[in-house]
Amino acid sequence: MAMTPSPDDDVKQSVRMTADRLLVAPTAESGDRKSRAGILIPATADRSRRLDWAEVVAVGPTVRNVEPGDQVLFAPDSGFEVEIRDEEYLILRERDVHALASERNEGQTGLYL
């Protein structure tokens, strides 16, 4: 009879993403923010039209255009929240990524952060 570890056991398991899924860590900007006038805007305020940045932690085997360490732009309502080892992450599909921030290389055009 196989025993499954209980949540109290200190067994560390690796997390592998499946299919086209991304595990991302939201940036600090995803939480509360301040307006230019210094007014604190809570993270729960209506942000239906605002996109957020996150750092990619892990990718599934069928992800083609995103790698761990990339910064991605996504809609906050497109992902699922998950807590792993007391850290907050989001799970997204690759198709939910609107833009990708990359190193500035010669010959490329676009906006740079």
N, C-alpha and C. Protein backbone atom coordinates (compact mmCIF):
# COMPACT_ATOMS: atom_id res chain seq x y z
N MET A 1 0.84 -1.18 0.00
CA MET A 1 0.00 0.00 0.00
C MET A 1 0.89 1.24 0.00
N ALA A 2 0.71 2.10 -0.97
CA ALA A 2 1.52 3.31 -1.08
C ALA A 2 0.97 4.39 -0.16
N MET A 3 1.89 5.07 0.49
CA MET A 3 1.48 6.15 1.38
C MET A 3 1.69 7.48 0.68
N THR A 4 0.71 8.34 0.80
CA THR A 4 0.86 9.66 0.24
C THR A 4 1.30 10.60 1.34
N PRO A 5 2.21 11.51 1.05
CA PRO A 5 2.69 12.42 2.09
C PRO A 5 1.58 13.36 2.53
N SER A 6 1.53 13.61 3.81
CA SER A 6 0.55 14.55 4.33
C SER A 6 1.08 15.96 4.17
N PRO A 7 0.21 16.97 4.20
CA PRO A 7 0.68 18.35 4.06
C PRO A 7 1.66 18.77 5.14
N ASP A 8 1.65 18.04 6.28
CA ASP A 8 2.55 18.39 7.38
C ASP A 8 3.96 17.89 7.13
N ASP A 9 4.14 16.88 6.27
CA ASP A 9 5.47 16.36 5.97
C ASP A 9 6.28 17.42 5.24
N ASP A 10 7.59 17.44 5.51
CA ASP A 10 8.47 18.42 4.87
C ASP A 10 9.08 17.82 3.61
N VAL A 11 8.24 17.34 2.70
CA VAL A 11 8.68 16.75 1.45
C VAL A 11 8.62 17.83 0.38
N LYS A 12 9.75 18.07 -0.26
CA LYS A 12 9.78 19.09 -1.32
C LYS A 12 9.57 18.41 -2.65
N GLN A 13 8.63 18.91 -3.40
CA GLN A 13 8.35 18.36 -4.72
C GLN A 13 8.54 19.46 -5.75
N SER A 14 8.97 19.06 -6.93
CA SER A 14 9.13 20.04 -7.99
C SER A 14 7.78 20.28 -8.65
N VAL A 15 7.60 21.47 -9.16
CA VAL A 15 6.37 21.83 -9.86
C VAL A 15 6.69 21.93 -11.34
N ARG A 16 6.00 21.15 -12.15
CA ARG A 16 6.18 21.19 -13.59
C ARG A 16 4.87 21.66 -14.21
N MET A 17 4.95 22.58 -15.10
CA MET A 17 3.75 23.08 -15.77
C MET A 17 3.42 22.13 -16.93
N THR A 18 2.14 22.02 -17.25
CA THR A 18 1.70 21.16 -18.33
C THR A 18 1.24 22.00 -19.51
N ALA A 19 1.27 21.39 -20.68
CA ALA A 19 0.76 21.98 -21.93
C ALA A 19 1.29 23.39 -22.15
N ASP A 20 0.38 24.34 -22.34
CA ASP A 20 0.78 25.72 -22.68
C ASP A 20 0.71 26.65 -21.48
N ARG A 21 0.87 26.11 -20.29
CA ARG A 21 0.73 26.91 -19.07
C ARG A 21 2.04 27.57 -18.66
N LEU A 22 1.90 28.75 -18.03
CA LEU A 22 3.02 29.51 -17.49
C LEU A 22 2.79 29.72 -16.00
N LEU A 23 3.82 29.58 -15.20
CA LEU A 23 3.77 29.94 -13.79
C LEU A 23 4.51 31.26 -13.67
N VAL A 24 3.82 32.30 -13.20
CA VAL A 24 4.42 33.63 -13.15
C VAL A 24 4.32 34.20 -11.75
N ALA A 25 5.30 35.02 -11.41
CA ALA A 25 5.32 35.74 -10.13
C ALA A 25 4.98 37.19 -10.43
N PRO A 26 3.83 37.68 -9.96
CA PRO A 26 3.46 39.07 -10.22
C PRO A 26 4.47 40.04 -9.63
N THR A 27 4.69 41.16 -10.30
CA THR A 27 5.61 42.18 -9.80
C THR A 27 4.96 42.94 -8.66
N ALA A 28 5.76 43.71 -7.95
CA ALA A 28 5.24 44.51 -6.84
C ALA A 28 4.22 45.53 -7.33
N GLU A 29 4.31 45.93 -8.59
CA GLU A 29 3.37 46.90 -9.16
C GLU A 29 1.96 46.34 -9.25
N SER A 30 1.81 45.02 -9.18
CA SER A 30 0.50 44.40 -9.32
C SER A 30 -0.39 44.65 -8.10
N GLY A 31 0.20 45.02 -6.98
CA GLY A 31 -0.57 45.26 -5.77
C GLY A 31 -1.06 46.70 -5.72
N ASP A 32 -1.10 47.26 -4.51
CA ASP A 32 -1.51 48.65 -4.35
C ASP A 32 -0.55 49.55 -5.13
N ARG A 33 -1.08 50.66 -5.64
CA ARG A 33 -0.24 51.59 -6.37
C ARG A 33 -0.65 53.01 -6.01
N LYS A 34 0.18 53.97 -6.39
CA LYS A 34 -0.11 55.37 -6.10
C LYS A 34 -0.32 56.13 -7.40
N SER A 35 -1.24 57.10 -7.35
CA SER A 35 -1.45 57.97 -8.49
C SER A 35 -0.32 58.99 -8.54
N ARG A 36 -0.25 59.77 -9.59
CA ARG A 36 0.79 60.80 -9.70
C ARG A 36 0.66 61.83 -8.59
N ALA A 37 -0.56 62.01 -8.08
CA ALA A 37 -0.79 62.97 -7.00
C ALA A 37 -0.49 62.38 -5.64
N GLY A 38 -0.14 61.08 -5.58
CA GLY A 38 0.21 60.46 -4.31
C GLY A 38 -0.94 59.74 -3.62
N ILE A 39 -2.08 59.61 -4.29
CA ILE A 39 -3.22 58.93 -3.70
C ILE A 39 -3.02 57.42 -3.84
N LEU A 40 -3.21 56.68 -2.74
CA LEU A 40 -3.06 55.23 -2.75
C LEU A 40 -4.28 54.59 -3.39
N ILE A 41 -4.05 53.78 -4.42
CA ILE A 41 -5.13 53.08 -5.12
C ILE A 41 -5.00 51.61 -4.76
N PRO A 42 -5.98 51.04 -4.04
CA PRO A 42 -5.86 49.64 -3.62
C PRO A 42 -5.91 48.68 -4.80
N ALA A 43 -5.32 47.50 -4.61
CA ALA A 43 -5.28 46.48 -5.65
C ALA A 43 -6.68 46.01 -6.02
N THR A 44 -7.65 46.19 -5.12
CA THR A 44 -9.01 45.73 -5.37
C THR A 44 -9.83 46.73 -6.19
N ALA A 45 -9.26 47.89 -6.51
CA ALA A 45 -9.98 48.88 -7.31
C ALA A 45 -10.24 48.33 -8.70
N ASP A 46 -11.25 48.86 -9.38
CA ASP A 46 -11.61 48.38 -10.72
C ASP A 46 -10.43 48.56 -11.67
N ARG A 47 -9.93 47.44 -12.16
CA ARG A 47 -8.78 47.47 -13.06
C ARG A 47 -9.07 46.69 -14.32
N SER A 48 -10.31 46.70 -14.74
CA SER A 48 -10.72 45.87 -15.86
C SER A 48 -9.96 46.19 -17.14
N ARG A 49 -9.44 47.37 -17.29
CA ARG A 49 -8.74 47.76 -18.52
C ARG A 49 -7.23 47.86 -18.32
N ARG A 50 -6.73 47.49 -17.16
CA ARG A 50 -5.30 47.64 -16.87
C ARG A 50 -4.61 46.28 -16.94
N LEU A 51 -3.47 46.23 -17.63
CA LEU A 51 -2.66 45.01 -17.73
C LEU A 51 -1.54 45.06 -16.69
N ASP A 52 -1.05 43.89 -16.29
CA ASP A 52 0.02 43.79 -15.29
C ASP A 52 1.23 43.06 -15.87
N TRP A 53 2.38 43.29 -15.23
CA TRP A 53 3.61 42.61 -15.58
C TRP A 53 3.89 41.52 -14.56
N ALA A 54 4.52 40.44 -15.00
CA ALA A 54 4.94 39.37 -14.11
C ALA A 54 6.19 38.72 -14.68
N GLU A 55 6.95 38.08 -13.80
CA GLU A 55 8.13 37.34 -14.24
C GLU A 55 7.79 35.87 -14.36
N VAL A 56 8.19 35.28 -15.47
CA VAL A 56 7.91 33.86 -15.72
C VAL A 56 8.86 33.01 -14.87
N VAL A 57 8.27 32.08 -14.11
CA VAL A 57 9.04 31.19 -13.25
C VAL A 57 9.23 29.82 -13.91
N ALA A 58 8.17 29.30 -14.55
CA ALA A 58 8.24 28.00 -15.20
C ALA A 58 7.29 27.98 -16.39
N VAL A 59 7.60 27.16 -17.39
CA VAL A 59 6.76 27.04 -18.59
C VAL A 59 6.47 25.58 -18.87
N GLY A 60 5.33 25.34 -19.52
CA GLY A 60 4.95 23.99 -19.93
C GLY A 60 5.70 23.56 -21.18
N PRO A 61 5.62 22.28 -21.52
CA PRO A 61 6.39 21.75 -22.65
C PRO A 61 5.98 22.25 -24.03
N THR A 62 4.75 22.76 -24.18
CA THR A 62 4.33 23.23 -25.51
C THR A 62 4.40 24.75 -25.65
N VAL A 63 4.95 25.44 -24.66
CA VAL A 63 5.12 26.89 -24.75
C VAL A 63 6.24 27.18 -25.74
N ARG A 64 5.97 28.08 -26.69
CA ARG A 64 6.94 28.30 -27.77
C ARG A 64 7.69 29.62 -27.68
N ASN A 65 7.05 30.68 -27.17
CA ASN A 65 7.63 32.02 -27.28
C ASN A 65 8.05 32.65 -25.97
N VAL A 66 7.91 31.95 -24.86
CA VAL A 66 8.20 32.50 -23.55
C VAL A 66 9.17 31.56 -22.83
N GLU A 67 10.12 32.16 -22.09
CA GLU A 67 11.09 31.37 -21.33
C GLU A 67 11.11 31.83 -19.88
N PRO A 68 11.54 30.97 -18.96
CA PRO A 68 11.68 31.41 -17.57
C PRO A 68 12.60 32.62 -17.48
N GLY A 69 12.22 33.59 -16.67
CA GLY A 69 12.98 34.83 -16.52
C GLY A 69 12.44 35.98 -17.35
N ASP A 70 11.61 35.69 -18.35
CA ASP A 70 11.01 36.76 -19.17
C ASP A 70 9.98 37.54 -18.36
N GLN A 71 9.79 38.78 -18.74
CA GLN A 71 8.72 39.61 -18.17
C GLN A 71 7.57 39.60 -19.17
N VAL A 72 6.35 39.27 -18.70
CA VAL A 72 5.20 39.20 -19.59
C VAL A 72 4.11 40.15 -19.13
N LEU A 73 3.36 40.65 -20.10
CA LEU A 73 2.24 41.56 -19.85
C LEU A 73 0.95 40.77 -20.07
N PHE A 74 0.04 40.81 -19.09
CA PHE A 74 -1.18 40.01 -19.14
C PHE A 74 -2.32 40.73 -18.44
N ALA A 75 -3.54 40.29 -18.70
CA ALA A 75 -4.72 40.81 -18.01
C ALA A 75 -4.87 40.07 -16.69
N PRO A 76 -5.01 40.78 -15.56
CA PRO A 76 -5.07 40.12 -14.26
C PRO A 76 -6.21 39.11 -14.11
N ASP A 77 -7.28 39.29 -14.82
CA ASP A 77 -8.41 38.37 -14.69
C ASP A 77 -8.26 37.12 -15.55
N SER A 78 -7.16 36.99 -16.29
CA SER A 78 -6.99 35.84 -17.17
C SER A 78 -6.29 34.67 -16.50
N GLY A 79 -5.75 34.86 -15.31
CA GLY A 79 -5.00 33.80 -14.65
C GLY A 79 -5.68 33.26 -13.41
N PHE A 80 -5.08 32.23 -12.86
CA PHE A 80 -5.55 31.62 -11.63
C PHE A 80 -4.48 31.78 -10.57
N GLU A 81 -4.88 32.20 -9.37
CA GLU A 81 -3.93 32.38 -8.28
C GLU A 81 -3.63 31.05 -7.63
N VAL A 82 -2.36 30.89 -7.22
CA VAL A 82 -1.94 29.68 -6.52
C VAL A 82 -0.84 30.07 -5.52
N GLU A 83 -0.83 29.39 -4.38
CA GLU A 83 0.20 29.63 -3.38
C GLU A 83 1.10 28.39 -3.32
N ILE A 84 2.40 28.62 -3.49
CA ILE A 84 3.38 27.54 -3.42
C ILE A 84 4.45 27.95 -2.43
N ARG A 85 4.61 27.17 -1.38
CA ARG A 85 5.59 27.45 -0.33
C ARG A 85 5.48 28.89 0.17
N ASP A 86 4.28 29.30 0.48
CA ASP A 86 3.98 30.63 1.04
C ASP A 86 4.27 31.79 0.08
N GLU A 87 4.40 31.52 -1.20
CA GLU A 87 4.60 32.55 -2.22
C GLU A 87 3.38 32.55 -3.14
N GLU A 88 2.96 33.75 -3.57
CA GLU A 88 1.81 33.88 -4.47
C GLU A 88 2.27 33.86 -5.92
N TYR A 89 1.62 33.03 -6.73
CA TYR A 89 1.90 32.94 -8.16
C TYR A 89 0.59 32.96 -8.93
N LEU A 90 0.72 33.11 -10.25
CA LEU A 90 -0.42 32.99 -11.15
C LEU A 90 -0.11 31.94 -12.20
N ILE A 91 -1.15 31.25 -12.64
CA ILE A 91 -1.01 30.32 -13.75
C ILE A 91 -1.76 30.91 -14.93
N LEU A 92 -1.06 31.09 -16.04
CA LEU A 92 -1.61 31.66 -17.26
C LEU A 92 -1.46 30.68 -18.40
N ARG A 93 -2.24 30.88 -19.45
CA ARG A 93 -2.00 30.19 -20.72
C ARG A 93 -1.09 31.08 -21.55
N GLU A 94 -0.32 30.49 -22.43
CA GLU A 94 0.57 31.30 -23.27
C GLU A 94 -0.24 32.30 -24.10
N ARG A 95 -1.42 31.92 -24.54
CA ARG A 95 -2.22 32.82 -25.37
C ARG A 95 -2.75 34.04 -24.60
N ASP A 96 -2.69 34.01 -23.25
CA ASP A 96 -3.13 35.14 -22.43
C ASP A 96 -2.06 36.22 -22.30
N VAL A 97 -0.86 35.96 -22.81
CA VAL A 97 0.23 36.93 -22.75
C VAL A 97 0.08 37.91 -23.90
N HIS A 98 0.03 39.21 -23.57
CA HIS A 98 -0.14 40.25 -24.59
C HIS A 98 1.18 40.78 -25.13
N ALA A 99 2.23 40.76 -24.30
CA ALA A 99 3.53 41.28 -24.73
C ALA A 99 4.61 40.64 -23.88
N LEU A 100 5.83 40.73 -24.38
CA LEU A 100 6.98 40.13 -23.73
C LEU A 100 8.10 41.16 -23.72
N ALA A 101 8.67 41.42 -22.55
CA ALA A 101 9.80 42.35 -22.45
C ALA A 101 11.07 41.52 -22.55
N SER A 102 11.99 41.96 -23.40
CA SER A 102 13.23 41.21 -23.58
C SER A 102 14.41 42.17 -23.54
N GLU A 103 15.60 41.58 -23.50
CA GLU A 103 16.82 42.38 -23.52
C GLU A 103 16.87 43.21 -24.79
N ARG A 104 17.50 44.36 -24.72
CA ARG A 104 17.64 45.21 -25.90
C ARG A 104 18.77 44.66 -26.76
N ASN A 105 18.43 44.20 -27.96
CA ASN A 105 19.41 43.65 -28.89
C ASN A 105 19.47 44.53 -30.13
N GLU A 106 20.61 44.53 -30.77
CA GLU A 106 20.78 45.30 -31.98
C GLU A 106 19.81 44.80 -33.06
N GLY A 107 19.23 45.72 -33.79
CA GLY A 107 18.36 45.36 -34.89
C GLY A 107 16.92 45.15 -34.51
N GLN A 108 16.59 45.16 -33.23
CA GLN A 108 15.20 44.99 -32.83
C GLN A 108 14.58 46.35 -32.59
N THR A 109 13.28 46.42 -32.86
CA THR A 109 12.56 47.66 -32.59
C THR A 109 11.55 47.40 -31.50
N GLY A 110 11.00 48.44 -30.94
CA GLY A 110 9.97 48.29 -29.93
C GLY A 110 10.24 49.19 -28.74
N LEU A 111 9.42 49.03 -27.71
CA LEU A 111 9.55 49.79 -26.48
C LEU A 111 10.41 49.02 -25.49
N TYR A 112 11.15 49.74 -24.67
CA TYR A 112 12.01 49.10 -23.68
C TYR A 112 11.67 49.64 -22.30
N LEU A 113 11.65 48.77 -21.32
CA LEU A 113 11.33 49.16 -19.96
C LEU A 113 12.56 49.68 -19.25
